[in-house]
Structures are given as C-alpha cells and as structure tokens.
C-alpha cells in the first residue's frame, strides 16, 4: 500500500511539473454588479411605480369610494342608530355588511393584481439586466461577473454597476 501511495505521489509531482502553468498565465477578468441598486435605478428610470399606479388608478378610486361610503354608513349608524326603528337599523346594518364584504373583496383582488403586475415588471427588469450583463461581459471579455451581495470583499475598481446602467440606457 505504501508503494502505491509513493507511486501516486511521484506521478502527481511529475504531472504537475510537466504543466507549465503559472499564476500570471491564468489571470481572469472578474467584475461585480450591485444588482439591487441597479434594479432600483432601472425601476426609477422606467417609472415602474408610476406606470403601475396609472394602471390601477380606477380600481384604487373605486376602493376609496367604497371605503368612504362604508365610513359614512358607520357614522350614520352610530349617530342615528338609537333613533331609528328596528327595521331601518337592521336594513342599514345589512347594507353596511354588504358594503364591507364588497370592500374587502375588492381590496384583496386589487392587492393581488398589483402584486402580480409588480412581479411581472420586476421579472422584465431582471431579464433586461441579465441580458445587458451578458452582452457587456462578452464585449469587454469578462470571465466572471458576480453579484455584489455574494462577495465579502472586492476592489471598487472591479464594480461594473455604472457600466451596466449606462449600457441599459
């Protein structure tokens, strides 16, 4: 067994010596991107929040209108509830329950639709960022580009976030 280990060690030494690879020969061009801040800048530049707000403004107004009606009905019930007949009070309470159910349903649907659209927009921005980084890496002969969050330390000169932002514009 000892002779096998010796033979393997000698073989490894011979193999290593026969490969003239030095550290200088294997220099790679590496960069990193602060994807979080780049995505935030991209969203700001493309007015994603404004676009989404405009897309949902009618539904937001409808929800706000329902909320106002509900609030006014509750106030009316508090103020005049004792003065109303049992039939009127019951009718108003049922109307308020119906408004409340409608309001909750519309709020939940609106939130869900806004979340889906926001995710769509975010996904589009991420795809655009990935394509831009790939094109920049090919154009400038980068061997490796990392996300800043995955790095414990890096030289600021290797940060290509600005290059990526400029390439996206």
N, C-alpha and C. Protein backbone atom coordinates (compact mmCIF):
# COMPACT_ATOMS: atom_id res chain seq x y z
N UNK A 1 0.83 -1.19 0.00
CA UNK A 1 0.00 0.00 0.00
C UNK A 1 0.87 1.25 0.00
N UNK A 2 1.99 1.21 0.79
CA UNK A 2 2.88 2.37 0.84
C UNK A 2 3.50 2.64 -0.53
N UNK A 3 3.82 1.60 -1.24
CA UNK A 3 4.43 1.79 -2.56
C UNK A 3 3.42 2.41 -3.53
N UNK A 4 2.12 2.05 -3.38
CA UNK A 4 1.08 2.65 -4.22
C UNK A 4 0.97 4.15 -3.95
N UNK A 5 0.99 4.53 -2.68
CA UNK A 5 0.90 5.95 -2.31
C UNK A 5 2.12 6.70 -2.82
N UNK A 6 3.32 6.07 -2.69
CA UNK A 6 4.54 6.72 -3.22
C UNK A 6 4.43 6.92 -4.72
N UNK A 7 3.95 5.89 -5.40
CA UNK A 7 3.83 5.96 -6.86
C UNK A 7 2.83 7.04 -7.27
N UNK A 8 1.73 7.11 -6.55
CA UNK A 8 0.73 8.12 -6.86
C UNK A 8 1.29 9.52 -6.60
N UNK A 9 2.03 9.68 -5.51
CA UNK A 9 2.63 10.98 -5.20
C UNK A 9 3.66 11.39 -6.23
N UNK A 10 4.49 10.46 -6.66
CA UNK A 10 5.51 10.75 -7.68
C UNK A 10 4.83 11.09 -9.00
N UNK A 11 3.79 10.34 -9.34
CA UNK A 11 3.05 10.61 -10.58
C UNK A 11 2.44 12.01 -10.56
N UNK A 12 1.89 12.38 -9.42
CA UNK A 12 1.29 13.71 -9.27
C UNK A 12 2.35 14.79 -9.40
N UNK A 13 3.52 14.58 -8.80
CA UNK A 13 4.60 15.55 -8.89
C UNK A 13 5.08 15.70 -10.32
N UNK A 14 5.24 14.59 -11.03
CA UNK A 14 5.68 14.63 -12.42
C UNK A 14 4.64 15.33 -13.29
N UNK A 15 3.37 15.00 -13.07
CA UNK A 15 2.29 15.61 -13.83
C UNK A 15 2.23 17.10 -13.59
N UNK A 16 2.38 17.52 -12.35
CA UNK A 16 2.35 18.95 -12.01
C UNK A 16 3.52 19.69 -12.63
N UNK A 17 4.69 19.07 -12.62
CA UNK A 17 5.88 19.71 -13.16
C UNK A 17 5.80 19.82 -14.68
N UNK A 18 5.11 18.90 -15.31
CA UNK A 18 5.05 18.92 -16.77
C UNK A 18 4.06 19.96 -17.30
N UNK A 19 3.22 20.51 -16.44
CA UNK A 19 2.27 21.54 -16.85
C UNK A 19 2.82 22.91 -16.49
N UNK A 20 3.33 23.64 -17.45
CA UNK A 20 3.90 24.95 -17.15
C UNK A 20 2.80 26.02 -17.00
N UNK A 21 2.08 25.96 -15.93
CA UNK A 21 1.02 26.93 -15.68
C UNK A 21 1.45 27.80 -14.50
N UNK A 22 1.49 29.06 -14.74
CA UNK A 22 1.82 29.97 -13.64
C UNK A 22 0.60 30.81 -13.32
N UNK A 23 0.64 31.49 -12.19
CA UNK A 23 -0.49 32.32 -11.77
C UNK A 23 -0.72 33.45 -12.78
N UNK A 24 0.34 33.93 -13.38
CA UNK A 24 0.21 35.03 -14.34
C UNK A 24 -0.49 34.58 -15.61
N UNK A 25 -0.36 33.29 -15.95
CA UNK A 25 -1.00 32.78 -17.16
C UNK A 25 -2.50 32.60 -16.99
N UNK A 26 -2.99 32.51 -15.77
CA UNK A 26 -4.39 32.23 -15.53
C UNK A 26 -5.16 33.43 -15.00
N UNK A 27 -4.68 34.63 -15.27
CA UNK A 27 -5.39 35.82 -14.81
C UNK A 27 -6.73 35.91 -15.52
N UNK A 28 -7.74 36.09 -14.73
CA UNK A 28 -9.08 36.21 -15.28
C UNK A 28 -9.60 37.61 -15.02
N UNK A 29 -10.42 38.06 -15.92
CA UNK A 29 -11.06 39.37 -15.76
C UNK A 29 -12.38 39.14 -15.03
N UNK A 30 -12.46 39.69 -13.82
CA UNK A 30 -13.62 39.49 -12.97
C UNK A 30 -14.21 40.83 -12.59
N UNK A 31 -15.52 40.90 -12.58
CA UNK A 31 -16.22 42.11 -12.16
C UNK A 31 -17.41 41.75 -11.30
N UNK A 32 -18.00 42.76 -10.71
CA UNK A 32 -19.20 42.53 -9.93
C UNK A 32 -20.18 43.66 -10.15
N UNK A 33 -21.46 43.34 -9.90
CA UNK A 33 -22.54 44.30 -10.11
C UNK A 33 -23.40 44.33 -8.85
N UNK A 34 -23.74 45.51 -8.40
CA UNK A 34 -24.69 45.66 -7.30
C UNK A 34 -26.08 45.60 -7.91
N UNK A 35 -26.57 44.39 -8.09
CA UNK A 35 -27.82 44.20 -8.82
C UNK A 35 -29.01 44.88 -8.14
N UNK A 36 -29.03 44.88 -6.82
CA UNK A 36 -30.14 45.52 -6.11
C UNK A 36 -30.26 46.99 -6.44
N UNK A 37 -29.13 47.70 -6.36
CA UNK A 37 -29.17 49.13 -6.65
C UNK A 37 -29.38 49.40 -8.14
N UNK A 38 -28.84 48.55 -8.99
CA UNK A 38 -29.05 48.72 -10.44
C UNK A 38 -30.52 48.51 -10.78
N UNK A 39 -31.14 47.47 -10.20
CA UNK A 39 -32.57 47.24 -10.44
C UNK A 39 -33.41 48.41 -9.94
N UNK A 40 -33.04 48.97 -8.79
CA UNK A 40 -33.79 50.13 -8.25
C UNK A 40 -33.67 51.31 -9.21
N UNK A 41 -32.48 51.54 -9.75
CA UNK A 41 -32.27 52.63 -10.71
C UNK A 41 -33.06 52.37 -11.99
N UNK A 42 -33.08 51.12 -12.44
CA UNK A 42 -33.82 50.78 -13.65
C UNK A 42 -35.32 51.02 -13.45
N UNK A 43 -35.83 50.62 -12.28
CA UNK A 43 -37.24 50.82 -11.98
C UNK A 43 -37.58 52.31 -11.94
N UNK A 44 -36.66 53.08 -11.37
CA UNK A 44 -36.86 54.53 -11.28
C UNK A 44 -36.85 55.15 -12.68
N UNK A 45 -35.91 54.72 -13.50
CA UNK A 45 -35.79 55.27 -14.86
C UNK A 45 -37.00 54.92 -15.72
N UNK A 46 -37.52 53.73 -15.54
CA UNK A 46 -38.65 53.33 -16.38
C UNK A 46 -40.00 53.65 -15.73
N UNK A 47 -39.97 54.37 -14.62
CA UNK A 47 -41.19 54.81 -13.92
C UNK A 47 -42.16 53.66 -13.66
N UNK A 48 -41.66 52.56 -13.16
CA UNK A 48 -42.48 51.38 -12.91
C UNK A 48 -43.61 51.69 -11.93
N UNK A 49 -43.29 52.35 -10.83
CA UNK A 49 -44.33 52.62 -9.83
C UNK A 49 -45.41 53.54 -10.39
N UNK A 50 -45.01 54.53 -11.18
CA UNK A 50 -45.99 55.43 -11.78
C UNK A 50 -46.85 54.70 -12.81
N UNK A 51 -46.21 53.84 -13.59
CA UNK A 51 -46.94 53.05 -14.59
C UNK A 51 -47.98 52.15 -13.91
N UNK A 52 -47.57 51.49 -12.82
CA UNK A 52 -48.50 50.62 -12.11
C UNK A 52 -49.62 51.42 -11.45
N UNK A 53 -49.28 52.58 -10.90
CA UNK A 53 -50.30 53.42 -10.29
C UNK A 53 -51.34 53.86 -11.33
N UNK A 54 -50.87 54.26 -12.49
CA UNK A 54 -51.80 54.67 -13.55
C UNK A 54 -52.66 53.50 -14.03
N UNK A 55 -52.08 52.33 -14.05
CA UNK A 55 -52.80 51.15 -14.49
C UNK A 55 -53.95 50.79 -13.54
N UNK A 56 -53.73 51.03 -12.25
CA UNK A 56 -54.72 50.64 -11.24
C UNK A 56 -55.48 51.81 -10.63
N UNK A 57 -55.32 53.01 -11.16
CA UNK A 57 -55.92 54.19 -10.52
C UNK A 57 -57.45 54.13 -10.46
N UNK A 58 -58.10 53.59 -11.48
CA UNK A 58 -59.56 53.50 -11.46
C UNK A 58 -60.04 52.55 -10.36
N UNK A 59 -59.36 51.44 -10.24
CA UNK A 59 -59.74 50.48 -9.19
C UNK A 59 -59.43 51.01 -7.80
N UNK A 60 -58.35 51.75 -7.67
CA UNK A 60 -58.00 52.37 -6.38
C UNK A 60 -59.07 53.38 -6.01
N UNK A 61 -59.50 54.18 -6.97
CA UNK A 61 -60.56 55.17 -6.72
C UNK A 61 -61.86 54.48 -6.31
N UNK A 62 -62.18 53.35 -6.94
CA UNK A 62 -63.38 52.60 -6.61
C UNK A 62 -63.32 52.08 -5.16
N UNK A 63 -62.17 51.58 -4.78
CA UNK A 63 -61.99 51.08 -3.41
C UNK A 63 -62.09 52.22 -2.41
N UNK A 64 -61.49 53.35 -2.74
CA UNK A 64 -61.56 54.52 -1.85
C UNK A 64 -62.99 55.01 -1.71
N UNK A 65 -63.75 54.96 -2.80
CA UNK A 65 -65.16 55.37 -2.76
C UNK A 65 -65.96 54.43 -1.86
N UNK A 66 -65.72 53.13 -1.99
CA UNK A 66 -66.40 52.17 -1.12
C UNK A 66 -66.04 52.39 0.34
N UNK A 67 -64.78 52.69 0.58
CA UNK A 67 -64.33 52.94 1.95
C UNK A 67 -65.03 54.16 2.54
N UNK A 68 -65.18 55.18 1.72
CA UNK A 68 -65.86 56.40 2.17
C UNK A 68 -67.33 56.12 2.47
N UNK A 69 -68.01 55.38 1.58
CA UNK A 69 -69.41 55.02 1.80
C UNK A 69 -69.57 54.21 3.08
N UNK A 70 -68.67 53.28 3.28
CA UNK A 70 -68.71 52.44 4.47
C UNK A 70 -68.52 53.27 5.73
N UNK A 71 -67.56 54.16 5.68
CA UNK A 71 -67.29 55.04 6.83
C UNK A 71 -68.50 55.93 7.14
N UNK A 72 -69.09 56.48 6.08
CA UNK A 72 -70.26 57.35 6.28
C UNK A 72 -71.44 56.55 6.85
N UNK A 73 -71.63 55.33 6.39
CA UNK A 73 -72.70 54.48 6.90
C UNK A 73 -72.51 54.13 8.36
N UNK A 74 -71.27 53.83 8.73
CA UNK A 74 -70.96 53.52 10.13
C UNK A 74 -71.22 54.73 11.01
N UNK A 75 -70.80 55.90 10.54
CA UNK A 75 -71.05 57.14 11.30
C UNK A 75 -72.55 57.38 11.47
N UNK A 76 -73.30 57.14 10.39
CA UNK A 76 -74.75 57.34 10.44
C UNK A 76 -75.38 56.38 11.45
N UNK A 77 -74.91 55.14 11.46
CA UNK A 77 -75.44 54.15 12.40
C UNK A 77 -75.11 54.54 13.84
N UNK A 78 -73.91 55.05 14.06
CA UNK A 78 -73.51 55.47 15.41
C UNK A 78 -74.34 56.67 15.87
N UNK A 79 -74.52 57.63 14.98
CA UNK A 79 -75.25 58.85 15.34
C UNK A 79 -76.75 58.61 15.52
N UNK A 80 -77.34 57.93 14.54
CA UNK A 80 -78.79 57.83 14.49
C UNK A 80 -79.32 56.43 14.83
N UNK A 81 -78.45 55.51 15.18
CA UNK A 81 -78.87 54.14 15.41
C UNK A 81 -79.95 54.00 16.46
N UNK A 82 -79.82 54.74 17.52
CA UNK A 82 -80.80 54.64 18.60
C UNK A 82 -82.13 55.31 18.23
N UNK A 83 -82.08 56.26 17.32
CA UNK A 83 -83.29 56.96 16.91
C UNK A 83 -84.05 56.23 15.80
N UNK A 84 -83.39 55.31 15.13
CA UNK A 84 -84.01 54.58 14.02
C UNK A 84 -84.92 53.48 14.55
N UNK A 85 -85.85 53.12 13.68
CA UNK A 85 -86.68 51.97 14.03
C UNK A 85 -85.83 50.70 13.87
N UNK A 86 -86.28 49.64 14.46
CA UNK A 86 -85.55 48.36 14.38
C UNK A 86 -85.37 47.93 12.92
N UNK A 87 -86.39 48.13 12.12
CA UNK A 87 -86.36 47.75 10.70
C UNK A 87 -85.31 48.57 9.93
N UNK A 88 -85.30 49.90 10.17
CA UNK A 88 -84.32 50.78 9.49
C UNK A 88 -82.90 50.42 9.91
N UNK A 89 -82.69 50.19 11.20
CA UNK A 89 -81.35 49.86 11.73
C UNK A 89 -80.87 48.55 11.12
N UNK A 90 -81.73 47.55 11.08
CA UNK A 90 -81.37 46.25 10.50
C UNK A 90 -81.04 46.40 9.02
N UNK A 91 -81.83 47.18 8.32
CA UNK A 91 -81.59 47.41 6.89
C UNK A 91 -80.23 48.08 6.68
N UNK A 92 -79.92 49.10 7.49
CA UNK A 92 -78.64 49.80 7.39
C UNK A 92 -77.48 48.86 7.75
N UNK A 93 -77.65 48.06 8.77
CA UNK A 93 -76.59 47.12 9.17
C UNK A 93 -76.31 46.11 8.06
N UNK A 94 -77.34 45.61 7.44
CA UNK A 94 -77.15 44.66 6.33
C UNK A 94 -76.46 45.32 5.14
N UNK A 95 -76.86 46.57 4.88
CA UNK A 95 -76.23 47.31 3.79
C UNK A 95 -74.75 47.51 4.09
N UNK A 96 -74.43 47.84 5.35
CA UNK A 96 -73.02 48.03 5.75
C UNK A 96 -72.24 46.72 5.67
N UNK A 97 -72.86 45.62 6.06
CA UNK A 97 -72.19 44.32 5.96
C UNK A 97 -71.90 43.98 4.50
N UNK A 98 -72.86 44.27 3.64
CA UNK A 98 -72.67 44.01 2.21
C UNK A 98 -71.55 44.90 1.65
N UNK A 99 -71.57 46.18 2.02
CA UNK A 99 -70.51 47.10 1.58
C UNK A 99 -69.15 46.64 2.10
N UNK A 100 -69.10 46.20 3.35
CA UNK A 100 -67.85 45.75 3.94
C UNK A 100 -67.31 44.52 3.21
N UNK A 101 -68.18 43.58 2.92
CA UNK A 101 -67.76 42.38 2.18
C UNK A 101 -67.25 42.75 0.79
N UNK A 102 -67.98 43.63 0.11
CA UNK A 102 -67.57 44.08 -1.22
C UNK A 102 -66.23 44.81 -1.16
N UNK A 103 -66.09 45.66 -0.16
CA UNK A 103 -64.85 46.42 0.04
C UNK A 103 -63.66 45.47 0.25
N UNK A 104 -63.82 44.52 1.15
CA UNK A 104 -62.72 43.57 1.44
C UNK A 104 -62.35 42.75 0.22
N UNK A 105 -63.35 42.32 -0.52
CA UNK A 105 -63.09 41.54 -1.73
C UNK A 105 -62.32 42.36 -2.76
N UNK A 106 -62.77 43.60 -2.98
CA UNK A 106 -62.10 44.45 -3.98
C UNK A 106 -60.69 44.82 -3.54
N UNK A 107 -60.49 45.06 -2.24
CA UNK A 107 -59.16 45.38 -1.73
C UNK A 107 -58.23 44.18 -1.94
N UNK A 108 -58.70 42.98 -1.59
CA UNK A 108 -57.87 41.79 -1.76
C UNK A 108 -57.55 41.53 -3.23
N UNK A 109 -58.54 41.67 -4.10
CA UNK A 109 -58.30 41.48 -5.53
C UNK A 109 -57.32 42.52 -6.08
N UNK A 110 -57.48 43.75 -5.64
CA UNK A 110 -56.58 44.83 -6.09
C UNK A 110 -55.15 44.55 -5.64
N UNK A 111 -54.99 44.19 -4.38
CA UNK A 111 -53.64 43.91 -3.87
C UNK A 111 -52.99 42.75 -4.63
N UNK A 112 -53.77 41.71 -4.87
CA UNK A 112 -53.25 40.55 -5.59
C UNK A 112 -52.85 40.92 -7.02
N UNK A 113 -53.70 41.68 -7.70
CA UNK A 113 -53.39 42.09 -9.07
C UNK A 113 -52.18 43.02 -9.12
N UNK A 114 -52.09 43.93 -8.16
CA UNK A 114 -50.93 44.82 -8.09
C UNK A 114 -49.66 44.02 -7.83
N UNK A 115 -49.74 43.04 -6.96
CA UNK A 115 -48.57 42.20 -6.66
C UNK A 115 -48.13 41.44 -7.91
N UNK A 116 -49.09 40.87 -8.64
CA UNK A 116 -48.76 40.13 -9.86
C UNK A 116 -48.11 41.03 -10.90
N UNK A 117 -48.70 42.19 -11.12
CA UNK A 117 -48.15 43.12 -12.12
C UNK A 117 -46.76 43.62 -11.71
N UNK A 118 -46.61 43.88 -10.42
CA UNK A 118 -45.31 44.32 -9.93
C UNK A 118 -44.26 43.23 -10.14
N UNK A 119 -44.64 41.99 -9.89
CA UNK A 119 -43.72 40.86 -10.13
C UNK A 119 -43.37 40.74 -11.61
N UNK A 120 -44.36 40.94 -12.47
CA UNK A 120 -44.11 40.91 -13.92
C UNK A 120 -43.09 41.97 -14.33
N UNK A 121 -43.33 43.17 -13.84
CA UNK A 121 -42.41 44.27 -14.17
C UNK A 121 -41.01 43.98 -13.63
N UNK A 122 -40.94 43.46 -12.41
CA UNK A 122 -39.64 43.13 -11.80
C UNK A 122 -38.94 42.05 -12.62
N UNK A 123 -39.69 41.04 -13.05
CA UNK A 123 -39.12 39.96 -13.85
C UNK A 123 -38.57 40.50 -15.18
N UNK A 124 -39.30 41.42 -15.79
CA UNK A 124 -38.83 42.02 -17.05
C UNK A 124 -37.54 42.80 -16.84
N UNK A 125 -37.48 43.54 -15.73
CA UNK A 125 -36.26 44.30 -15.43
C UNK A 125 -35.08 43.36 -15.18
N UNK A 126 -35.33 42.26 -14.47
CA UNK A 126 -34.25 41.30 -14.19
C UNK A 126 -33.75 40.67 -15.49
N UNK A 127 -34.67 40.30 -16.38
CA UNK A 127 -34.27 39.73 -17.67
C UNK A 127 -33.43 40.72 -18.47
N UNK A 128 -33.86 41.97 -18.48
CA UNK A 128 -33.13 43.01 -19.20
C UNK A 128 -31.73 43.20 -18.58
N UNK A 129 -31.66 43.17 -17.26
CA UNK A 129 -30.38 43.30 -16.57
C UNK A 129 -29.46 42.13 -16.90
N UNK A 130 -29.99 40.92 -16.87
CA UNK A 130 -29.17 39.75 -17.19
C UNK A 130 -28.65 39.79 -18.62
N UNK A 131 -29.49 40.18 -19.55
CA UNK A 131 -29.04 40.29 -20.95
C UNK A 131 -27.96 41.34 -21.10
N UNK A 132 -28.15 42.48 -20.43
CA UNK A 132 -27.18 43.56 -20.52
C UNK A 132 -25.84 43.13 -19.92
N UNK A 133 -25.88 42.46 -18.79
CA UNK A 133 -24.64 41.98 -18.16
C UNK A 133 -23.94 40.98 -19.07
N UNK A 134 -24.69 40.07 -19.67
CA UNK A 134 -24.09 39.09 -20.58
C UNK A 134 -23.43 39.76 -21.79
N UNK A 135 -24.14 40.73 -22.37
CA UNK A 135 -23.58 41.44 -23.53
C UNK A 135 -22.32 42.21 -23.14
N UNK A 136 -22.37 42.88 -21.98
CA UNK A 136 -21.21 43.63 -21.50
C UNK A 136 -20.04 42.70 -21.22
N UNK A 137 -20.31 41.54 -20.64
CA UNK A 137 -19.26 40.56 -20.34
C UNK A 137 -18.59 40.08 -21.62
N UNK A 138 -19.38 39.81 -22.65
CA UNK A 138 -18.83 39.37 -23.92
C UNK A 138 -18.04 40.49 -24.60
N UNK A 139 -18.60 41.68 -24.57
CA UNK A 139 -17.98 42.83 -25.24
C UNK A 139 -16.63 43.18 -24.61
N UNK A 140 -16.58 43.12 -23.28
CA UNK A 140 -15.36 43.54 -22.59
C UNK A 140 -14.52 42.36 -22.09
N UNK A 141 -14.81 41.17 -22.57
CA UNK A 141 -14.03 39.96 -22.26
C UNK A 141 -13.93 39.64 -20.77
N UNK A 142 -15.03 39.73 -20.06
CA UNK A 142 -15.04 39.32 -18.66
C UNK A 142 -15.18 37.81 -18.60
N UNK A 143 -14.42 37.20 -17.69
CA UNK A 143 -14.52 35.76 -17.48
C UNK A 143 -15.59 35.43 -16.45
N UNK A 144 -15.81 36.38 -15.53
CA UNK A 144 -16.74 36.12 -14.44
C UNK A 144 -17.30 37.45 -13.94
N UNK A 145 -18.62 37.50 -13.79
CA UNK A 145 -19.27 38.66 -13.18
C UNK A 145 -20.16 38.13 -12.07
N UNK A 146 -19.98 38.70 -10.89
CA UNK A 146 -20.70 38.26 -9.70
C UNK A 146 -21.66 39.33 -9.21
N UNK A 147 -22.59 38.90 -8.37
CA UNK A 147 -23.48 39.84 -7.68
C UNK A 147 -22.74 40.34 -6.45
N UNK A 148 -22.83 41.62 -6.18
CA UNK A 148 -22.12 42.23 -5.05
C UNK A 148 -22.49 41.58 -3.72
N UNK A 149 -23.73 41.12 -3.58
CA UNK A 149 -24.16 40.52 -2.33
C UNK A 149 -23.46 39.18 -2.05
N UNK A 150 -22.91 38.55 -3.07
CA UNK A 150 -22.25 37.27 -2.90
C UNK A 150 -20.76 37.42 -2.58
N UNK A 151 -20.28 38.66 -2.46
CA UNK A 151 -18.86 38.91 -2.27
C UNK A 151 -18.63 39.53 -0.90
N UNK A 152 -17.65 38.99 -0.19
CA UNK A 152 -17.30 39.57 1.11
C UNK A 152 -16.41 40.79 0.95
N UNK A 153 -15.49 40.72 0.01
CA UNK A 153 -14.61 41.86 -0.25
C UNK A 153 -14.30 41.89 -1.74
N UNK A 154 -14.25 43.10 -2.27
CA UNK A 154 -13.86 43.28 -3.66
C UNK A 154 -13.31 44.68 -3.83
N UNK A 155 -12.40 44.81 -4.74
CA UNK A 155 -11.83 46.11 -5.05
C UNK A 155 -12.88 46.94 -5.80
N UNK A 156 -13.11 48.17 -5.37
CA UNK A 156 -14.12 49.01 -6.04
C UNK A 156 -13.87 49.19 -7.54
N UNK A 157 -12.64 49.03 -7.98
CA UNK A 157 -12.37 49.18 -9.41
C UNK A 157 -12.99 48.06 -10.23
N UNK A 158 -13.36 46.96 -9.59
CA UNK A 158 -13.99 45.84 -10.29
C UNK A 158 -15.51 45.97 -10.35
N UNK A 159 -16.06 47.03 -9.76
CA UNK A 159 -17.50 47.26 -9.77
C UNK A 159 -17.90 47.81 -11.14
N UNK A 160 -18.72 47.07 -11.85
CA UNK A 160 -19.14 47.49 -13.19
C UNK A 160 -20.60 47.93 -13.21
N UNK A 161 -21.14 48.24 -12.04
CA UNK A 161 -22.55 48.63 -11.94
C UNK A 161 -22.86 49.84 -12.83
N UNK A 162 -22.01 50.83 -12.82
CA UNK A 162 -22.24 52.04 -13.64
C UNK A 162 -22.20 51.71 -15.13
N UNK A 163 -21.27 50.83 -15.51
CA UNK A 163 -21.19 50.41 -16.91
C UNK A 163 -22.49 49.74 -17.35
N UNK A 164 -23.01 48.90 -16.45
CA UNK A 164 -24.26 48.18 -16.74
C UNK A 164 -25.41 49.19 -16.89
N UNK A 165 -25.49 50.13 -15.96
CA UNK A 165 -26.56 51.14 -16.02
C UNK A 165 -26.48 51.95 -17.31
N UNK A 166 -25.27 52.34 -17.68
CA UNK A 166 -25.08 53.10 -18.91
C UNK A 166 -25.43 52.27 -20.15
N UNK A 167 -25.14 50.98 -20.09
CA UNK A 167 -25.45 50.10 -21.23
C UNK A 167 -26.95 49.89 -21.35
N UNK A 168 -27.66 49.94 -20.25
CA UNK A 168 -29.11 49.74 -20.27
C UNK A 168 -29.80 50.96 -20.88
N UNK A 169 -29.30 52.13 -20.61
CA UNK A 169 -29.90 53.37 -21.14
C UNK A 169 -29.84 53.34 -22.62
